[in-house]
Amino acid sequence: MEPNNHDHPGDTLSPPPASDPSFSSALVEQDWVTLRTRVGIRITVFAVSFIAFIVFLAFALSRLAHVLELFTIGLLLAMAINPAVAWFEKRHTQRWVSVTALVLLLAGVVIGGLASLAPTLVDQSTRFINDAPQIGNSLQQHLKWLDHRFPAAHVAELANRLQSEASQSLSGIQSTATTVFTASVTTVVEAVLVVFLVVFVLSDPHPLVRGLRGVMPPQWQPEVTRIGELVVAKVQAWIQGSLILMLFIAVLDTIGLLVLGVPYALLWGVLSGLLEIIPTLGPIIAAVPPAIVGLTMPHPVTALYILGLYVVIQQIESNVLVPVVMSNKVRLHPVTLLCFLLVMAEFLGVFGALIATPLAATLKVLYMELYYRRLHGALPPEEANDPTRLKLKRRRARKATEDAAP
């Protein structure tokens, strides 16, 4: 009996021709059916297992999202502090001593800064919440005047919508005021956990590094180490540069708003500094609240002065501070970064927006090293001359020279 291949037109496998008369065609067809059945079962098991793994991973991430956020923050802080720890270690200071001293120093600076700024920030935040209804009414009056002057713009609809959303936000803030103590205790506990995580990671990172390298085959480990060092250097450069820019922007915005006589100047300055870590969108969002407050001042033209102040400060940052502080270390196109920021914010909210830049920089390094270099044989000139890469090459050459010295 000859097997009929047309009975199963969807099958990609077909039994071999029984050219040897010593073989029974019935046995050949039976063995082939058994083979197809086994292949089908394996494919089905793999598909079901893969779907189950994806579902389990999504469930685990949803349940452990906050823990992963704290762990990621701890790793980022450890990366930022590690260069200082390495500097002390080269000067024959025990690693645990330098880690403890640096963590205590940073904790003292943070606690001292909060102790000096917290009373003013709390006072300005409280006054802003209390004055919010009056600010909303004044803003609505200005928008009604604009609607009367420019009826085609439909400003009245915008005014009603803004008033409704502002009322809901204000009621939400006031209704959750009773949970401030609980939230504060939780924040303090989480901060302490992050500090311990940073100390443990920095005190003895070698087992973690060896464990990550051990996942790869031995022949891959040198390449994995090189790429990992580049990723860490990129993230470190971003963290250090971002912290410096946040401080500069907070100080400049606060001083400028004080000169213009804008209420709650310190609150808006601190907000600008915190939002500086969100690329592109952060400075725009930070300019909106003080501009609204300026619009409700006795001279509404102050809002234009505030917007002009923020534009000038952003120009100073882009043309003076960023080239000096960041030195184009991340080297990501603004459009690419903005798209990635929106995607991360959609999936992970505020935390996604915070880690969008270092994650995008990591993905770019992996793309350049694992795909572009192998496809074209070399990196593009602008990437090959990246300051972070050149600094890392000099560090490797110096280490090789030190190891080769008798």
Protein backbone atom coordinates (compact mmCIF):
# COMPACT_ATOMS: atom_id res chain seq x y z
CA MET A 1 0.00 0.00 0.00
CA GLU A 2 1.50 3.29 -1.10
CA PRO A 3 1.19 6.21 1.35
CA ASN A 4 -0.95 9.01 0.06
CA ASN A 5 0.71 12.41 0.72
CA HIS A 6 -2.43 14.25 -0.31
CA ASP A 7 -4.39 12.92 2.67
CA HIS A 8 -2.60 15.46 4.91
CA PRO A 9 -1.93 18.58 2.80
CA GLY A 10 -0.99 20.67 5.86
CA ASP A 11 1.85 18.38 6.96
CA THR A 12 5.34 19.60 6.21
CA LEU A 13 6.82 16.14 6.89
CA SER A 14 6.32 13.28 4.39
CA PRO A 15 7.43 9.68 4.74
CA PRO A 16 10.51 8.60 2.80
CA PRO A 17 9.93 6.52 -0.32
CA ALA A 18 10.09 2.78 0.35
CA SER A 19 12.58 2.06 -2.47
CA ASP A 20 13.92 -1.08 -0.80
CA PRO A 21 11.45 -3.95 -1.46
CA SER A 22 12.62 -5.65 1.72
CA PHE A 23 10.85 -3.03 3.75
CA SER A 24 7.15 -3.20 4.28
CA SER A 25 5.39 -0.01 3.22
CA ALA A 26 2.88 -0.52 6.02
CA LEU A 27 5.64 -0.53 8.62
CA VAL A 28 7.19 2.62 7.09
CA GLU A 29 3.89 4.45 7.20
CA GLN A 30 3.26 3.32 10.77
CA ASP A 31 6.71 4.52 11.91
CA TRP A 32 6.21 7.83 10.14
CA VAL A 33 2.85 8.39 11.77
CA THR A 34 4.44 7.66 15.13
CA LEU A 35 7.20 10.22 14.40
CA ARG A 36 4.70 12.89 13.42
CA THR A 37 2.70 12.20 16.54
CA ARG A 38 5.76 12.60 18.76
CA VAL A 39 6.76 15.82 17.01
CA GLY A 40 3.23 17.19 17.39
CA ILE A 41 3.15 16.31 21.09
CA ARG A 42 6.51 18.00 21.67
CA ILE A 43 5.43 21.16 19.85
CA THR A 44 2.17 21.24 21.82
CA VAL A 45 3.96 20.74 25.14
CA PHE A 46 6.47 23.48 24.27
CA ALA A 47 3.71 25.93 23.26
CA VAL A 48 1.68 25.24 26.40
CA SER A 49 4.78 25.51 28.59
CA PHE A 50 5.81 28.80 26.95
CA ILE A 51 2.34 30.31 27.41
CA ALA A 52 2.25 29.12 31.02
CA PHE A 53 5.67 30.66 31.62
CA ILE A 54 4.56 34.02 30.17
CA VAL A 55 1.40 34.01 32.30
CA PHE A 56 3.40 33.10 35.42
CA LEU A 57 6.00 35.79 34.66
CA ALA A 58 3.30 38.44 34.20
CA PHE A 59 1.62 37.36 37.45
CA ALA A 60 4.93 37.35 39.34
CA LEU A 61 5.88 40.78 38.02
CA SER A 62 2.50 42.21 38.98
CA ARG A 63 2.85 40.84 42.52
CA LEU A 64 6.52 41.67 42.95
CA ALA A 65 6.60 44.94 41.03
CA HIS A 66 7.28 47.11 44.08
CA VAL A 67 9.99 44.77 45.37
CA LEU A 68 11.69 44.87 41.97
CA GLU A 69 11.46 48.67 41.98
CA LEU A 70 13.25 48.86 45.35
CA PHE A 71 15.86 46.35 44.17
CA THR A 72 16.46 48.35 40.98
CA ILE A 73 16.83 51.60 42.92
CA GLY A 74 19.32 49.92 45.25
CA LEU A 75 21.40 48.63 42.33
CA LEU A 76 21.41 52.05 40.66
CA LEU A 77 22.59 53.72 43.86
CA ALA A 78 25.27 51.06 44.30
CA MET A 79 26.50 51.73 40.75
CA ALA A 80 26.64 55.46 41.48
CA ILE A 81 28.67 55.04 44.69
CA ASN A 82 30.97 52.25 43.47
CA PRO A 83 33.53 54.56 41.72
CA ALA A 84 34.20 56.34 45.01
CA VAL A 85 34.51 53.00 46.81
CA ALA A 86 36.95 51.77 44.15
CA TRP A 87 38.99 54.98 44.54
CA PHE A 88 39.42 54.36 48.27
CA GLU A 89 40.11 50.67 47.69
CA LYS A 90 43.02 51.52 45.38
CA ARG A 91 44.48 53.51 48.26
CA HIS A 92 44.54 50.44 50.50
CA THR A 93 41.33 51.20 52.40
CA GLN A 94 39.28 48.15 53.26
CA ARG A 95 36.16 48.01 51.15
CA TRP A 96 33.68 47.66 54.00
CA VAL A 97 35.23 50.68 55.73
CA SER A 98 34.91 52.92 52.67
CA VAL A 99 31.37 51.67 51.97
CA THR A 100 30.23 52.36 55.52
CA ALA A 101 31.87 55.81 55.59
CA LEU A 102 30.39 56.85 52.22
CA VAL A 103 26.89 55.60 53.03
CA LEU A 104 26.92 57.38 56.40
CA LEU A 105 28.19 60.56 54.74
CA LEU A 106 25.49 60.48 52.05
CA ALA A 107 22.81 59.66 54.64
CA GLY A 108 23.96 62.62 56.73
CA VAL A 109 23.83 64.96 53.74
CA VAL A 110 20.34 63.77 52.77
CA ILE A 111 18.99 63.94 56.32
CA GLY A 112 20.57 67.36 56.86
CA GLY A 113 19.13 68.68 53.61
CA LEU A 114 15.67 67.35 54.44
CA ALA A 115 15.85 68.77 57.96
CA SER A 116 16.70 72.22 56.63
CA LEU A 117 14.24 72.25 53.74
CA ALA A 118 11.36 70.18 55.12
CA PRO A 119 9.75 72.91 57.29
CA THR A 120 9.63 75.38 54.40
CA LEU A 121 8.45 72.73 51.93
CA VAL A 122 5.70 71.53 54.27
CA ASP A 123 4.59 75.10 54.93
CA GLN A 124 4.49 76.00 51.22
CA SER A 125 2.74 72.75 50.29
CA THR A 126 0.10 73.32 52.98
CA ARG A 127 -0.49 76.90 51.90
CA PHE A 128 -0.72 75.85 48.25
CA ILE A 129 -3.35 73.20 49.06
CA ASN A 130 -5.33 75.72 51.09
CA ASP A 131 -5.04 78.38 48.40
CA ALA A 132 -5.85 75.99 45.54
CA PRO A 133 -9.61 76.85 45.41
CA GLN A 134 -8.82 80.58 45.28
CA ILE A 135 -6.17 79.97 42.60
CA GLY A 136 -8.69 77.91 40.62
CA ASN A 137 -11.33 80.64 40.80
CA SER A 138 -8.86 83.31 39.72
CA LEU A 139 -7.68 81.13 36.86
CA GLN A 140 -11.27 80.56 35.78
CA GLN A 141 -11.88 84.31 35.69
CA HIS A 142 -8.87 84.83 33.45
CA LEU A 143 -9.98 82.01 31.14
CA LYS A 144 -13.49 83.48 30.94
CA TRP A 145 -11.95 86.81 29.92
CA LEU A 146 -9.98 85.01 27.22
CA ASP A 147 -13.14 83.22 26.08
CA HIS A 148 -14.91 86.57 25.81
CA ARG A 149 -12.06 88.01 23.74
CA PHE A 150 -11.50 84.88 21.63
CA PRO A 151 -14.81 82.96 21.48
CA ALA A 152 -13.60 80.67 18.68
CA ALA A 153 -11.02 79.13 21.01
CA HIS A 154 -13.72 77.61 23.30
CA VAL A 155 -11.76 78.56 26.39
CA ALA A 156 -14.87 78.27 28.59
CA GLU A 157 -15.03 74.51 28.03
CA LEU A 158 -11.38 74.28 28.98
CA ALA A 159 -12.01 76.33 32.12
CA ASN A 160 -14.87 74.10 33.26
CA ARG A 161 -12.86 70.96 32.59
CA LEU A 162 -9.83 72.30 34.47
CA GLN A 163 -11.98 73.33 37.42
CA SER A 164 -13.61 69.89 37.59
CA GLU A 165 -10.28 68.05 37.45
CA ALA A 166 -8.69 70.41 39.94
CA SER A 167 -11.57 69.90 42.38
CA GLN A 168 -11.26 66.13 42.10
CA SER A 169 -7.50 66.27 42.62
CA LEU A 170 -7.83 68.59 45.60
CA SER A 171 -10.50 66.43 47.22
CA GLY A 172 -8.29 63.39 46.67
CA ILE A 173 -5.35 65.11 48.33
CA GLN A 174 -7.46 66.21 51.28
CA SER A 175 -9.11 62.80 51.68
CA THR A 176 -5.78 61.00 51.75
CA ALA A 177 -4.19 63.37 54.24
CA THR A 178 -5.04 60.97 57.08
CA THR A 179 -2.77 58.29 55.59
CA VAL A 180 0.32 60.51 55.51
CA PHE A 181 1.74 59.01 58.70
CA THR A 182 1.40 55.44 57.46
CA ALA A 183 2.92 56.34 54.10
CA SER A 184 5.80 58.12 55.83
CA VAL A 185 6.57 55.10 58.01
CA THR A 186 6.48 52.83 54.96
CA THR A 187 8.79 55.16 53.07
CA VAL A 188 11.28 55.25 55.94
CA VAL A 189 11.30 51.46 56.21
CA GLU A 190 11.80 51.06 52.47
CA ALA A 191 14.59 53.64 52.49
CA VAL A 192 16.37 51.71 55.25
CA LEU A 193 16.00 48.47 53.25
CA VAL A 194 17.46 50.16 50.17
CA VAL A 195 20.41 51.45 52.23
CA PHE A 196 21.12 47.94 53.53
CA LEU A 197 20.89 46.59 49.99
CA VAL A 198 23.41 49.18 48.79
CA VAL A 199 25.79 48.32 51.66
CA PHE A 200 25.57 44.57 51.03
CA VAL A 201 26.08 44.93 47.26
CA LEU A 202 29.04 47.30 47.59
CA SER A 203 30.74 45.47 50.46
CA ASP A 204 31.31 42.29 48.47
CA PRO A 205 30.10 42.48 44.84
CA HIS A 206 32.47 39.80 43.54
CA PRO A 207 30.18 36.78 44.25
CA LEU A 208 27.36 38.53 42.36
CA VAL A 209 29.64 39.25 39.40
CA ARG A 210 31.00 35.70 39.36
CA GLY A 211 27.47 34.30 39.53
CA LEU A 212 26.34 36.37 36.55
CA ARG A 213 29.44 35.42 34.57
CA GLY A 214 28.99 31.76 35.47
CA VAL A 215 25.68 31.67 33.63
CA MET A 216 27.57 32.07 30.34
CA PRO A 217 29.88 29.50 28.69
CA PRO A 218 33.59 30.06 29.42
CA GLN A 219 34.37 31.19 25.87
CA TRP A 220 31.75 33.95 26.14
CA GLN A 221 32.79 35.31 29.53
CA PRO A 222 35.48 37.81 28.35
CA GLU A 223 33.03 39.38 25.89
CA VAL A 224 30.24 39.41 28.48
CA THR A 225 32.59 41.08 30.98
CA ARG A 226 33.60 43.76 28.47
CA ILE A 227 29.98 44.54 27.53
CA GLY A 228 28.91 44.49 31.19
CA GLU A 229 31.62 46.99 32.13
CA LEU A 230 30.45 49.28 29.33
CA VAL A 231 26.81 49.06 30.47
CA VAL A 232 27.77 49.82 34.08
CA ALA A 233 29.94 52.77 32.96
CA LYS A 234 27.04 54.18 30.92
CA VAL A 235 24.59 53.86 33.80
CA GLN A 236 27.08 55.36 36.26
CA ALA A 237 27.66 58.34 33.97
CA TRP A 238 23.92 58.90 33.63
CA ILE A 239 23.28 58.69 37.40
CA GLN A 240 26.11 61.03 38.36
CA GLY A 241 25.29 63.53 35.62
CA SER A 242 21.57 63.45 36.42
CA LEU A 243 22.14 64.14 40.12
CA ILE A 244 24.33 67.15 39.31
CA LEU A 245 21.80 68.51 36.80
CA MET A 246 18.92 68.01 39.26
CA LEU A 247 20.77 70.08 41.87
CA PHE A 248 21.64 72.86 39.40
CA ILE A 249 18.09 73.08 38.02
CA ALA A 250 16.51 73.11 41.48
CA VAL A 251 18.79 75.95 42.64
CA LEU A 252 18.45 78.03 39.45
CA ASP A 253 14.66 77.68 39.29
CA THR A 254 14.24 78.54 42.96
CA ILE A 255 16.42 81.65 42.69
CA GLY A 256 14.68 82.79 39.50
CA LEU A 257 11.19 82.34 40.96
CA LEU A 258 12.20 84.19 44.13
CA VAL A 259 13.44 87.10 42.02
CA LEU A 260 10.10 87.18 40.17
CA GLY A 261 8.22 87.09 43.48
CA VAL A 262 6.34 83.88 42.66
CA PRO A 263 4.69 82.20 45.68
CA TYR A 264 5.88 78.75 46.79
CA ALA A 265 9.20 79.25 44.97
CA LEU A 266 11.07 76.55 46.89
CA LEU A 267 8.30 74.03 46.24
CA TRP A 268 8.45 74.66 42.48
CA GLY A 269 12.24 74.60 42.49
CA VAL A 270 12.38 71.21 44.22
CA LEU A 271 9.70 69.91 41.85
CA SER A 272 11.77 71.05 38.86
CA GLY A 273 14.85 69.31 40.24
CA LEU A 274 13.01 66.04 40.80
CA LEU A 275 11.36 66.09 37.37
CA GLU A 276 14.72 66.77 35.72
CA ILE A 277 15.40 63.04 35.86
CA ILE A 278 12.57 62.51 33.34
CA PRO A 279 14.03 63.52 29.96
CA THR A 280 12.23 65.96 27.65
CA LEU A 281 8.86 65.87 29.41
CA GLY A 282 10.10 66.60 32.95
CA PRO A 283 11.05 70.28 32.42
CA ILE A 284 7.79 70.93 30.53
CA ILE A 285 5.67 69.45 33.32
CA ALA A 286 7.66 71.35 35.96
CA ALA A 287 6.92 74.71 34.29
CA VAL A 288 3.13 74.31 34.33
CA PRO A 289 2.26 74.79 38.06
CA PRO A 290 4.31 77.99 38.62
CA ALA A 291 3.00 79.41 35.33
CA ILE A 292 -0.58 78.81 36.49
CA VAL A 293 0.17 80.49 39.80
CA GLY A 294 1.79 83.38 37.96
CA LEU A 295 -1.35 83.78 35.84
CA THR A 296 -3.41 84.35 39.02
CA MET A 297 -1.05 86.99 40.43
CA PRO A 298 -1.99 90.72 40.34
CA HIS A 299 -0.01 91.02 37.11
CA PRO A 300 -0.92 87.99 34.95
CA VAL A 301 1.96 88.81 32.62
CA THR A 302 4.13 87.22 35.32
CA ALA A 303 3.16 83.86 33.82
CA LEU A 304 5.02 84.82 30.64
CA TYR A 305 8.04 85.87 32.69
CA ILE A 306 7.97 82.46 34.42
CA LEU A 307 7.80 80.58 31.12
CA GLY A 308 10.63 82.73 29.80
CA LEU A 309 12.67 81.95 32.92
CA TYR A 310 12.22 78.21 32.41
CA VAL A 311 13.12 78.49 28.72
CA VAL A 312 16.31 80.41 29.54
CA ILE A 313 17.31 77.93 32.23
CA GLN A 314 16.70 75.01 29.85
CA GLN A 315 18.88 76.69 27.23
CA ILE A 316 21.64 77.14 29.81
CA GLU A 317 21.28 73.48 30.75
CA SER A 318 21.32 72.21 27.16
CA ASN A 319 24.20 74.37 25.92
CA VAL A 320 26.38 74.73 29.04
CA LEU A 321 25.59 72.21 31.78
CA VAL A 322 24.85 69.10 29.73
CA PRO A 323 28.04 69.25 27.58
CA VAL A 324 30.15 69.76 30.71
CA VAL A 325 28.39 67.34 33.08
CA MET A 326 27.09 64.61 30.79
CA SER A 327 29.66 64.88 27.95
CA ASN A 328 27.17 63.09 25.67
CA LYS A 329 27.69 59.92 27.72
CA VAL A 330 24.26 58.44 26.99
CA ARG A 331 24.19 59.48 23.30
CA LEU A 332 20.54 58.74 22.60
CA HIS A 333 18.50 60.56 19.98
CA PRO A 334 15.76 62.67 21.63
CA VAL A 335 13.01 61.10 19.49
CA THR A 336 14.15 57.58 20.39
CA LEU A 337 14.39 58.49 24.06
CA LEU A 338 10.97 60.16 24.08
CA CYS A 339 9.28 57.16 22.44
CA PHE A 340 10.95 54.77 24.86
CA LEU A 341 10.00 57.03 27.78
CA LEU A 342 6.32 57.00 26.78
CA VAL A 343 6.32 53.21 26.37
CA MET A 344 7.97 52.64 29.76
CA ALA A 345 5.64 55.12 31.46
CA GLU A 346 2.64 53.34 29.94
CA PHE A 347 3.76 49.94 31.28
CA LEU A 348 5.37 50.88 34.62
CA GLY A 349 4.08 54.37 35.41
CA VAL A 350 6.41 56.82 37.15
CA PHE A 351 8.99 54.14 37.85
CA GLY A 352 9.11 53.30 34.13
CA ALA A 353 9.75 56.95 33.30
CA LEU A 354 12.59 57.05 35.84
CA ILE A 355 14.44 54.02 34.47
CA ALA A 356 13.71 54.73 30.79
CA THR A 357 17.03 56.47 30.10
CA PRO A 358 19.41 53.91 31.70
CA LEU A 359 17.43 51.03 30.21
CA ALA A 360 17.51 52.63 26.75
CA ALA A 361 21.26 53.19 27.09
CA THR A 362 21.71 49.52 28.08
CA LEU A 363 19.68 48.31 25.10
CA LYS A 364 21.72 50.53 22.77
CA VAL A 365 24.99 49.06 24.07
CA LEU A 366 23.66 45.53 23.53
CA TYR A 367 22.49 46.43 20.02
CA MET A 368 25.82 47.98 19.08
CA GLU A 369 27.95 45.18 20.52
CA LEU A 370 25.89 42.10 19.71
CA TYR A 371 24.39 43.10 16.36
CA TYR A 372 25.89 46.17 14.70
CA ARG A 373 29.55 45.30 15.32
CA ARG A 374 29.05 41.74 14.04
CA LEU A 375 27.07 42.87 11.01
CA HIS A 376 29.39 45.69 9.89
CA GLY A 377 32.68 44.61 11.44
CA ALA A 378 33.13 47.85 13.39
CA LEU A 379 31.19 50.49 15.30
CA PRO A 380 30.18 53.79 13.68
CA PRO A 381 32.76 56.58 14.28
CA GLU A 382 30.55 58.56 16.66
CA GLU A 383 30.00 55.46 18.79
CA ALA A 384 33.64 54.34 18.64
CA ASN A 385 34.70 57.81 19.87
CA ASP A 386 32.18 57.79 22.69
CA PRO A 387 33.87 59.36 25.79
CA THR A 388 32.66 56.53 28.01
CA ARG A 389 34.15 53.89 25.70
CA LEU A 390 37.46 55.76 25.44
CA LYS A 391 37.66 56.19 29.21
CA LEU A 392 36.95 52.49 29.68
CA LYS A 393 39.69 51.56 27.17
CA ARG A 394 42.21 53.72 29.01
CA ARG A 395 41.22 52.10 32.29
CA ARG A 396 41.68 48.60 30.84
CA ALA A 397 45.07 49.55 29.36
CA ARG A 398 46.19 50.98 32.71
CA LYS A 399 45.06 47.83 34.53
CA ALA A 400 46.86 45.62 32.01
CA THR A 401 50.04 47.64 32.51
CA GLU A 402 49.75 47.36 36.30
CA ASP A 403 49.15 43.59 36.10
CA ALA A 404 52.15 43.13 33.77
CA ALA A 405 54.47 45.16 36.00
CA PRO A 406 56.78 43.01 38.22
